[in-house]
Amino acid sequence: MKGALALALVLAAAAACGGPSGGTAPPAASPPPVPHASLPDGRAIALEVARTPEQLAQGLMFRASMPADVGMVFLFEKAGPQSFWMKNCHFPLDMVFLLADGTVTALLENVPPCAQDPCPSYPAGADADTVLELNAGIARAAGVTVGQKVAFSGVPGR
């Protein structure tokens, strides 16, 4: 009798903790997607997103390097002429200027770090509301050219 009572108590407790009917646990919440860009050759680049005034001003300054499969995307509220400089950046970059739909409007390759003040500015020469910075050489290796599209995932408004 004691064994049957103990078994009944265990089964009752299991039923009480089993969650929704059917005995299955609710699905775990999915983590937010990691922002990334898909380049024309299909390679995926994990992205750091800069969109606040502080993030836009800081960019990649004071970093010694960046992994080959990582980039930074700068998001602006509206398309217009964008110009970047390499102050306090310690490695060369490719700068891909785009529209929100991912169309490449301009490309600057192998932009060198600033050697001394005043640092030069690098204007796009075409309107853009999105700028993708990659390690130098990645844009060419991935086949990025003006007029192509870069697909974004997990990037707000892109």
N, C-alpha and C. Protein backbone atom coordinates (compact mmCIF):
# COMPACT_ATOMS: atom_id res chain seq x y z
N MET A 1 0.82 -1.19 0.00
CA MET A 1 0.00 0.00 0.00
C MET A 1 0.86 1.25 0.00
N LYS A 2 1.92 1.24 0.84
CA LYS A 2 2.79 2.40 0.88
C LYS A 2 3.42 2.64 -0.48
N GLY A 3 3.80 1.56 -1.20
CA GLY A 3 4.41 1.69 -2.52
C GLY A 3 3.45 2.31 -3.52
N ALA A 4 2.19 1.91 -3.48
CA ALA A 4 1.19 2.44 -4.40
C ALA A 4 0.92 3.91 -4.10
N LEU A 5 0.88 4.26 -2.82
CA LEU A 5 0.66 5.65 -2.42
C LEU A 5 1.82 6.52 -2.86
N ALA A 6 3.05 6.05 -2.68
CA ALA A 6 4.23 6.81 -3.08
C ALA A 6 4.23 7.01 -4.59
N LEU A 7 3.89 5.97 -5.35
CA LEU A 7 3.83 6.08 -6.80
C LEU A 7 2.76 7.08 -7.22
N ALA A 8 1.63 7.09 -6.59
CA ALA A 8 0.55 8.03 -6.91
C ALA A 8 1.01 9.46 -6.64
N LEU A 9 1.71 9.68 -5.52
CA LEU A 9 2.21 11.02 -5.19
C LEU A 9 3.24 11.49 -6.22
N VAL A 10 4.13 10.62 -6.65
CA VAL A 10 5.14 10.97 -7.66
C VAL A 10 4.45 11.32 -8.97
N LEU A 11 3.47 10.53 -9.39
CA LEU A 11 2.76 10.80 -10.63
C LEU A 11 1.98 12.11 -10.56
N ALA A 12 1.37 12.39 -9.42
CA ALA A 12 0.62 13.64 -9.25
C ALA A 12 1.57 14.84 -9.32
N ALA A 13 2.72 14.73 -8.68
CA ALA A 13 3.69 15.82 -8.70
C ALA A 13 4.22 16.04 -10.12
N ALA A 14 4.48 14.96 -10.84
CA ALA A 14 4.97 15.08 -12.22
C ALA A 14 3.93 15.76 -13.09
N ALA A 15 2.67 15.41 -12.90
CA ALA A 15 1.61 16.02 -13.70
C ALA A 15 1.47 17.50 -13.37
N ALA A 16 1.66 17.86 -12.12
CA ALA A 16 1.52 19.26 -11.72
C ALA A 16 2.64 20.12 -12.28
N CYS A 17 3.82 19.54 -12.49
CA CYS A 17 4.97 20.31 -12.99
C CYS A 17 5.17 20.14 -14.48
N GLY A 18 4.28 19.46 -15.15
CA GLY A 18 4.47 19.13 -16.55
C GLY A 18 4.20 20.25 -17.52
N GLY A 19 3.76 21.40 -17.09
CA GLY A 19 3.50 22.51 -18.00
C GLY A 19 2.15 22.35 -18.67
N PRO A 20 2.01 22.87 -19.89
CA PRO A 20 0.73 22.81 -20.57
C PRO A 20 0.31 21.38 -20.84
N SER A 21 -0.98 21.20 -21.05
CA SER A 21 -1.49 19.86 -21.32
C SER A 21 -0.77 19.27 -22.51
N GLY A 22 -0.62 17.99 -22.49
CA GLY A 22 0.13 17.34 -23.56
C GLY A 22 1.52 16.97 -23.09
N GLY A 23 1.93 17.51 -21.94
CA GLY A 23 3.19 17.14 -21.35
C GLY A 23 4.42 17.69 -22.05
N THR A 24 4.25 18.61 -22.98
CA THR A 24 5.43 19.16 -23.64
C THR A 24 5.73 20.54 -23.08
N ALA A 25 6.99 20.83 -22.99
CA ALA A 25 7.42 22.15 -22.50
C ALA A 25 7.24 23.17 -23.61
N PRO A 26 6.99 24.42 -23.26
CA PRO A 26 6.87 25.45 -24.30
C PRO A 26 8.24 25.63 -24.98
N PRO A 27 8.23 26.02 -26.24
CA PRO A 27 9.50 26.20 -26.94
C PRO A 27 10.31 27.34 -26.31
N ALA A 28 11.61 27.16 -26.28
CA ALA A 28 12.49 28.20 -25.75
C ALA A 28 12.49 29.38 -26.72
N ALA A 29 12.61 30.58 -26.16
CA ALA A 29 12.67 31.76 -27.00
C ALA A 29 13.96 31.74 -27.82
N SER A 30 13.86 32.08 -29.10
CA SER A 30 15.04 32.11 -29.96
C SER A 30 15.85 33.36 -29.65
N PRO A 31 17.16 33.24 -29.64
CA PRO A 31 17.97 34.43 -29.45
C PRO A 31 17.84 35.33 -30.68
N PRO A 32 18.04 36.62 -30.51
CA PRO A 32 17.94 37.50 -31.68
C PRO A 32 19.01 37.11 -32.70
N PRO A 33 18.72 37.29 -33.98
CA PRO A 33 19.70 36.90 -34.99
C PRO A 33 20.96 37.75 -34.90
N VAL A 34 22.10 37.14 -35.16
CA VAL A 34 23.36 37.88 -35.19
C VAL A 34 23.36 38.68 -36.49
N PRO A 35 23.55 39.99 -36.41
CA PRO A 35 23.57 40.77 -37.65
C PRO A 35 24.70 40.27 -38.56
N HIS A 36 24.37 40.14 -39.84
CA HIS A 36 25.41 39.76 -40.79
C HIS A 36 25.08 40.26 -42.19
N ALA A 37 26.11 40.31 -43.01
CA ALA A 37 25.98 40.68 -44.41
C ALA A 37 26.36 39.46 -45.24
N SER A 38 25.63 39.26 -46.33
CA SER A 38 25.98 38.22 -47.29
C SER A 38 26.56 38.91 -48.52
N LEU A 39 27.83 38.64 -48.79
CA LEU A 39 28.53 39.27 -49.90
C LEU A 39 28.23 38.52 -51.19
N PRO A 40 28.54 39.12 -52.35
CA PRO A 40 28.18 38.50 -53.63
C PRO A 40 28.69 37.07 -53.83
N ASP A 41 29.83 36.71 -53.23
CA ASP A 41 30.33 35.34 -53.40
C ASP A 41 29.70 34.38 -52.40
N GLY A 42 28.75 34.86 -51.59
CA GLY A 42 28.05 34.02 -50.63
C GLY A 42 28.65 34.01 -49.24
N ARG A 43 29.81 34.63 -49.06
CA ARG A 43 30.40 34.61 -47.72
C ARG A 43 29.60 35.48 -46.78
N ALA A 44 29.48 35.01 -45.54
CA ALA A 44 28.76 35.74 -44.50
C ALA A 44 29.76 36.48 -43.63
N ILE A 45 29.46 37.74 -43.37
CA ILE A 45 30.29 38.58 -42.51
C ILE A 45 29.46 38.96 -41.30
N ALA A 46 29.90 38.55 -40.11
CA ALA A 46 29.24 38.97 -38.87
C ALA A 46 29.47 40.47 -38.71
N LEU A 47 28.45 41.17 -38.24
CA LEU A 47 28.54 42.63 -38.19
C LEU A 47 28.38 43.20 -36.78
N GLU A 48 29.17 44.20 -36.53
CA GLU A 48 28.91 45.10 -35.42
C GLU A 48 28.13 46.25 -36.04
N VAL A 49 27.08 46.70 -35.37
CA VAL A 49 26.21 47.74 -35.91
C VAL A 49 26.47 49.05 -35.18
N ALA A 50 26.74 50.11 -35.96
CA ALA A 50 26.93 51.45 -35.42
C ALA A 50 25.78 52.31 -35.91
N ARG A 51 24.98 52.82 -34.96
CA ARG A 51 23.88 53.69 -35.39
C ARG A 51 23.65 54.86 -34.46
N THR A 52 24.15 54.82 -33.22
CA THR A 52 24.02 56.00 -32.36
C THR A 52 25.13 56.98 -32.73
N PRO A 53 24.97 58.26 -32.41
CA PRO A 53 26.04 59.22 -32.73
C PRO A 53 27.40 58.80 -32.15
N GLU A 54 27.38 58.23 -30.95
CA GLU A 54 28.64 57.80 -30.33
C GLU A 54 29.26 56.63 -31.09
N GLN A 55 28.45 55.67 -31.47
CA GLN A 55 28.95 54.51 -32.21
C GLN A 55 29.44 54.91 -33.60
N LEU A 56 28.71 55.82 -34.24
CA LEU A 56 29.12 56.30 -35.57
C LEU A 56 30.45 57.03 -35.50
N ALA A 57 30.67 57.81 -34.44
CA ALA A 57 31.92 58.55 -34.28
C ALA A 57 33.08 57.62 -33.92
N GLN A 58 32.84 56.62 -33.11
CA GLN A 58 33.89 55.70 -32.64
C GLN A 58 34.35 54.73 -33.72
N GLY A 59 33.38 54.12 -34.41
CA GLY A 59 33.72 53.15 -35.45
C GLY A 59 34.73 52.12 -34.97
N LEU A 60 35.76 51.90 -35.74
CA LEU A 60 36.78 50.91 -35.44
C LEU A 60 38.05 51.53 -34.84
N MET A 61 37.94 52.74 -34.35
CA MET A 61 39.11 53.40 -33.78
C MET A 61 39.67 52.63 -32.59
N PHE A 62 40.99 52.68 -32.46
CA PHE A 62 41.75 52.13 -31.33
C PHE A 62 41.79 50.61 -31.30
N ARG A 63 41.39 49.95 -32.35
CA ARG A 63 41.49 48.49 -32.40
C ARG A 63 42.74 48.10 -33.17
N ALA A 64 43.39 47.05 -32.73
CA ALA A 64 44.60 46.59 -33.40
C ALA A 64 44.28 45.81 -34.68
N SER A 65 43.13 45.12 -34.70
CA SER A 65 42.77 44.31 -35.85
C SER A 65 41.29 43.95 -35.77
N MET A 66 40.83 43.22 -36.79
CA MET A 66 39.46 42.73 -36.82
C MET A 66 39.50 41.37 -37.52
N PRO A 67 38.78 40.37 -37.01
CA PRO A 67 38.78 39.07 -37.68
C PRO A 67 38.30 39.19 -39.13
N ALA A 68 38.80 38.31 -39.99
CA ALA A 68 38.48 38.36 -41.42
C ALA A 68 37.00 38.21 -41.71
N ASP A 69 36.27 37.49 -40.87
CA ASP A 69 34.85 37.24 -41.12
C ASP A 69 33.94 38.18 -40.34
N VAL A 70 34.48 39.35 -39.95
CA VAL A 70 33.73 40.34 -39.19
C VAL A 70 33.87 41.69 -39.88
N GLY A 71 32.83 42.51 -39.78
CA GLY A 71 32.86 43.87 -40.30
C GLY A 71 32.04 44.78 -39.41
N MET A 72 32.01 46.05 -39.77
CA MET A 72 31.17 47.01 -39.05
C MET A 72 30.29 47.70 -40.07
N VAL A 73 29.00 47.83 -39.74
CA VAL A 73 28.06 48.52 -40.62
C VAL A 73 27.60 49.79 -39.91
N PHE A 74 27.65 50.89 -40.64
CA PHE A 74 27.23 52.20 -40.15
C PHE A 74 25.88 52.53 -40.78
N LEU A 75 24.89 52.84 -39.95
CA LEU A 75 23.54 53.12 -40.43
C LEU A 75 23.22 54.60 -40.25
N PHE A 76 22.82 55.24 -41.33
CA PHE A 76 22.44 56.65 -41.31
C PHE A 76 20.96 56.77 -41.62
N GLU A 77 20.34 57.84 -41.12
CA GLU A 77 18.89 58.01 -41.26
C GLU A 77 18.44 58.22 -42.70
N LYS A 78 19.27 58.90 -43.50
CA LYS A 78 18.87 59.12 -44.89
C LYS A 78 20.11 59.08 -45.78
N ALA A 79 19.86 58.79 -47.03
CA ALA A 79 20.95 58.71 -48.00
C ALA A 79 21.49 60.10 -48.29
N GLY A 80 22.78 60.18 -48.46
CA GLY A 80 23.45 61.42 -48.77
C GLY A 80 24.93 61.15 -48.94
N PRO A 81 25.70 62.20 -49.18
CA PRO A 81 27.14 62.01 -49.32
C PRO A 81 27.76 61.64 -47.97
N GLN A 82 28.46 60.54 -47.93
CA GLN A 82 29.12 60.10 -46.70
C GLN A 82 30.64 60.20 -46.92
N SER A 83 31.34 60.55 -45.88
CA SER A 83 32.79 60.65 -45.95
C SER A 83 33.36 60.08 -44.66
N PHE A 84 34.38 59.25 -44.78
CA PHE A 84 34.99 58.60 -43.61
C PHE A 84 36.46 58.97 -43.55
N TRP A 85 37.02 58.84 -42.37
CA TRP A 85 38.45 59.01 -42.20
C TRP A 85 38.97 57.85 -41.38
N MET A 86 40.29 57.73 -41.29
CA MET A 86 40.91 56.58 -40.64
C MET A 86 41.68 56.98 -39.38
N LYS A 87 41.23 58.04 -38.72
CA LYS A 87 41.91 58.49 -37.50
C LYS A 87 41.86 57.38 -36.45
N ASN A 88 43.00 57.09 -35.87
CA ASN A 88 43.16 56.09 -34.81
C ASN A 88 42.71 54.69 -35.21
N CYS A 89 42.66 54.43 -36.50
CA CYS A 89 42.40 53.08 -36.99
C CYS A 89 43.77 52.49 -37.34
N HIS A 90 44.01 51.27 -36.95
CA HIS A 90 45.36 50.71 -37.06
C HIS A 90 45.53 49.66 -38.15
N PHE A 91 44.54 49.51 -39.02
CA PHE A 91 44.66 48.52 -40.10
C PHE A 91 43.85 49.03 -41.29
N PRO A 92 44.25 48.68 -42.52
CA PRO A 92 43.55 49.16 -43.71
C PRO A 92 42.17 48.52 -43.87
N LEU A 93 41.28 49.26 -44.51
CA LEU A 93 39.90 48.80 -44.66
C LEU A 93 39.41 48.96 -46.10
N ASP A 94 38.42 48.16 -46.44
CA ASP A 94 37.59 48.39 -47.62
C ASP A 94 36.32 49.06 -47.09
N MET A 95 35.87 50.11 -47.77
CA MET A 95 34.63 50.80 -47.40
C MET A 95 33.62 50.63 -48.52
N VAL A 96 32.51 49.99 -48.21
CA VAL A 96 31.46 49.73 -49.18
C VAL A 96 30.29 50.65 -48.84
N PHE A 97 29.95 51.56 -49.74
CA PHE A 97 28.86 52.51 -49.54
C PHE A 97 27.63 51.95 -50.24
N LEU A 98 26.50 51.93 -49.51
CA LEU A 98 25.29 51.28 -50.02
C LEU A 98 24.05 52.11 -49.72
N LEU A 99 22.97 51.71 -50.37
CA LEU A 99 21.63 52.20 -50.03
C LEU A 99 20.97 51.15 -49.13
N ALA A 100 19.89 51.51 -48.47
CA ALA A 100 19.23 50.62 -47.52
C ALA A 100 18.81 49.28 -48.14
N ASP A 101 18.55 49.27 -49.46
CA ASP A 101 18.16 48.01 -50.10
C ASP A 101 19.36 47.12 -50.42
N GLY A 102 20.57 47.56 -50.05
CA GLY A 102 21.77 46.76 -50.24
C GLY A 102 22.53 47.04 -51.53
N THR A 103 22.05 47.98 -52.35
CA THR A 103 22.75 48.30 -53.60
C THR A 103 24.03 49.07 -53.31
N VAL A 104 25.14 48.57 -53.85
CA VAL A 104 26.44 49.22 -53.67
C VAL A 104 26.50 50.45 -54.58
N THR A 105 26.74 51.62 -53.98
CA THR A 105 26.82 52.87 -54.74
C THR A 105 28.26 53.33 -54.95
N ALA A 106 29.17 52.91 -54.08
CA ALA A 106 30.59 53.28 -54.21
C ALA A 106 31.42 52.29 -53.41
N LEU A 107 32.68 52.20 -53.77
CA LEU A 107 33.58 51.27 -53.10
C LEU A 107 34.96 51.88 -53.03
N LEU A 108 35.51 51.94 -51.84
CA LEU A 108 36.90 52.38 -51.65
C LEU A 108 37.67 51.20 -51.08
N GLU A 109 38.72 50.79 -51.77
CA GLU A 109 39.46 49.60 -51.36
C GLU A 109 40.80 49.97 -50.74
N ASN A 110 41.21 49.16 -49.77
CA ASN A 110 42.51 49.25 -49.14
C ASN A 110 42.82 50.67 -48.65
N VAL A 111 41.88 51.26 -47.94
CA VAL A 111 42.08 52.61 -47.39
C VAL A 111 43.06 52.48 -46.23
N PRO A 112 44.18 53.21 -46.28
CA PRO A 112 45.21 53.05 -45.26
C PRO A 112 44.88 53.76 -43.96
N PRO A 113 45.47 53.29 -42.87
CA PRO A 113 45.32 54.01 -41.60
C PRO A 113 45.93 55.40 -41.73
N CYS A 114 45.49 56.31 -40.91
CA CYS A 114 46.01 57.67 -40.92
C CYS A 114 47.41 57.67 -40.31
N ALA A 115 48.37 58.18 -41.07
CA ALA A 115 49.76 58.20 -40.61
C ALA A 115 50.05 59.40 -39.72
N GLN A 116 49.42 60.52 -40.01
CA GLN A 116 49.65 61.72 -39.20
C GLN A 116 48.51 62.70 -39.38
N ASP A 117 48.32 63.57 -38.38
CA ASP A 117 47.29 64.60 -38.47
C ASP A 117 47.75 65.69 -39.43
N PRO A 118 46.88 66.32 -40.15
CA PRO A 118 45.46 66.00 -40.23
C PRO A 118 45.22 64.78 -41.10
N CYS A 119 44.27 63.98 -40.69
CA CYS A 119 43.92 62.77 -41.43
C CYS A 119 43.06 63.14 -42.63
N PRO A 120 43.31 62.51 -43.77
CA PRO A 120 42.46 62.79 -44.94
C PRO A 120 41.08 62.16 -44.78
N SER A 121 40.10 62.74 -45.46
CA SER A 121 38.76 62.16 -45.53
C SER A 121 38.64 61.40 -46.83
N TYR A 122 37.80 60.38 -46.80
CA TYR A 122 37.55 59.55 -47.98
C TYR A 122 36.07 59.61 -48.30
N PRO A 123 35.68 60.51 -49.24
CA PRO A 123 34.26 60.61 -49.61
C PRO A 123 33.86 59.48 -50.55
N ALA A 124 32.59 59.13 -50.50
CA ALA A 124 32.08 58.04 -51.32
C ALA A 124 32.00 58.44 -52.79
N GLY A 125 31.61 59.67 -53.05
CA GLY A 125 31.38 60.08 -54.43
C GLY A 125 29.99 59.70 -54.92
N ALA A 126 29.19 59.11 -54.06
CA ALA A 126 27.81 58.75 -54.38
C ALA A 126 27.02 58.71 -53.08
N ASP A 127 25.73 58.92 -53.17
CA ASP A 127 24.90 58.89 -51.96
C ASP A 127 24.84 57.49 -51.37
N ALA A 128 24.76 57.45 -50.04
CA ALA A 128 24.64 56.19 -49.32
C ALA A 128 24.01 56.47 -47.96
N ASP A 129 23.31 55.48 -47.43
CA ASP A 129 22.80 55.58 -46.06
C ASP A 129 23.32 54.42 -45.21
N THR A 130 24.16 53.62 -45.82
CA THR A 130 24.75 52.46 -45.15
C THR A 130 26.19 52.35 -45.61
N VAL A 131 27.09 52.14 -44.66
CA VAL A 131 28.50 51.94 -45.01
C VAL A 131 28.97 50.68 -44.30
N LEU A 132 29.56 49.79 -45.09
CA LEU A 132 30.09 48.53 -44.58
C LEU A 132 31.61 48.60 -44.62
N GLU A 133 32.25 48.45 -43.46
CA GLU A 133 33.71 48.42 -43.39
C GLU A 133 34.16 46.97 -43.22
N LEU A 134 35.10 46.58 -44.08
CA LEU A 134 35.65 45.23 -44.09
C LEU A 134 37.17 45.33 -44.03
N ASN A 135 37.83 44.28 -43.62
CA ASN A 135 39.28 44.25 -43.73
C ASN A 135 39.67 44.43 -45.19
N ALA A 136 40.77 45.13 -45.41
CA ALA A 136 41.24 45.38 -46.78
C ALA A 136 41.40 44.07 -47.53
N GLY A 137 40.91 44.06 -48.77
CA GLY A 137 41.02 42.90 -49.63
C GLY A 137 39.79 42.02 -49.65
N ILE A 138 38.94 42.12 -48.64
CA ILE A 138 37.75 41.26 -48.57
C ILE A 138 36.75 41.62 -49.68
N ALA A 139 36.52 42.91 -49.93
CA ALA A 139 35.55 43.31 -50.95
C ALA A 139 35.93 42.75 -52.32
N ARG A 140 37.19 42.89 -52.69
CA ARG A 140 37.63 42.38 -54.00
C ARG A 140 37.53 40.86 -54.05
N ALA A 141 37.99 40.20 -53.00
CA ALA A 141 37.96 38.73 -52.95
C ALA A 141 36.53 38.20 -53.03
N ALA A 142 35.57 38.97 -52.49
CA ALA A 142 34.17 38.55 -52.49
C ALA A 142 33.41 39.01 -53.73
N GLY A 143 34.09 39.74 -54.63
CA GLY A 143 33.45 40.17 -55.86
C GLY A 143 32.51 41.36 -55.71
N VAL A 144 32.71 42.19 -54.68
CA VAL A 144 31.86 43.36 -54.48
C VAL A 144 32.21 44.41 -55.54
N THR A 145 31.19 44.88 -56.27
CA THR A 145 31.36 45.96 -57.24
C THR A 145 30.15 46.89 -57.17
N VAL A 146 30.31 48.10 -57.69
CA VAL A 146 29.22 49.07 -57.73
C VAL A 146 28.06 48.49 -58.54
N GLY A 147 26.86 48.64 -58.01
CA GLY A 147 25.65 48.16 -58.68
C GLY A 147 25.16 46.82 -58.15
N GLN A 148 26.06 46.05 -57.51
CA GLN A 148 25.65 44.78 -56.93
C GLN A 148 24.89 45.01 -55.64
N LYS A 149 24.32 43.93 -55.12
CA LYS A 149 23.60 43.99 -53.86
C LYS A 149 24.31 43.18 -52.80
N VAL A 150 24.29 43.71 -51.61
CA VAL A 150 24.73 43.01 -50.40
C VAL A 150 23.47 42.78 -49.59
N ALA A 151 23.24 41.55 -49.16
CA ALA A 151 22.05 41.24 -48.37
C ALA A 151 22.41 41.34 -46.89
N PHE A 152 21.53 41.98 -46.13
CA PHE A 152 21.71 42.10 -44.68
C PHE A 152 20.66 41.29 -43.95
N SER A 153 21.05 40.73 -42.83
CA SER A 153 20.14 40.00 -41.97
C SER A 153 20.39 40.43 -40.53
N GLY A 154 19.32 40.72 -39.80
CA GLY A 154 19.46 41.14 -38.42
C GLY A 154 19.95 42.57 -38.26
N VAL A 155 19.95 43.35 -39.34
CA VAL A 155 20.39 44.75 -39.30
C VAL A 155 19.14 45.62 -39.41
N PRO A 156 18.86 46.45 -38.40
CA PRO A 156 17.63 47.24 -38.39
C PRO A 156 17.46 48.09 -39.65
N GLY A 157 16.32 47.93 -40.30
CA GLY A 157 15.97 48.75 -41.47
C GLY A 157 16.71 48.38 -42.74
N ARG A 158 17.44 47.29 -42.74
CA ARG A 158 18.20 46.92 -43.94
C ARG A 158 17.83 45.54 -44.42
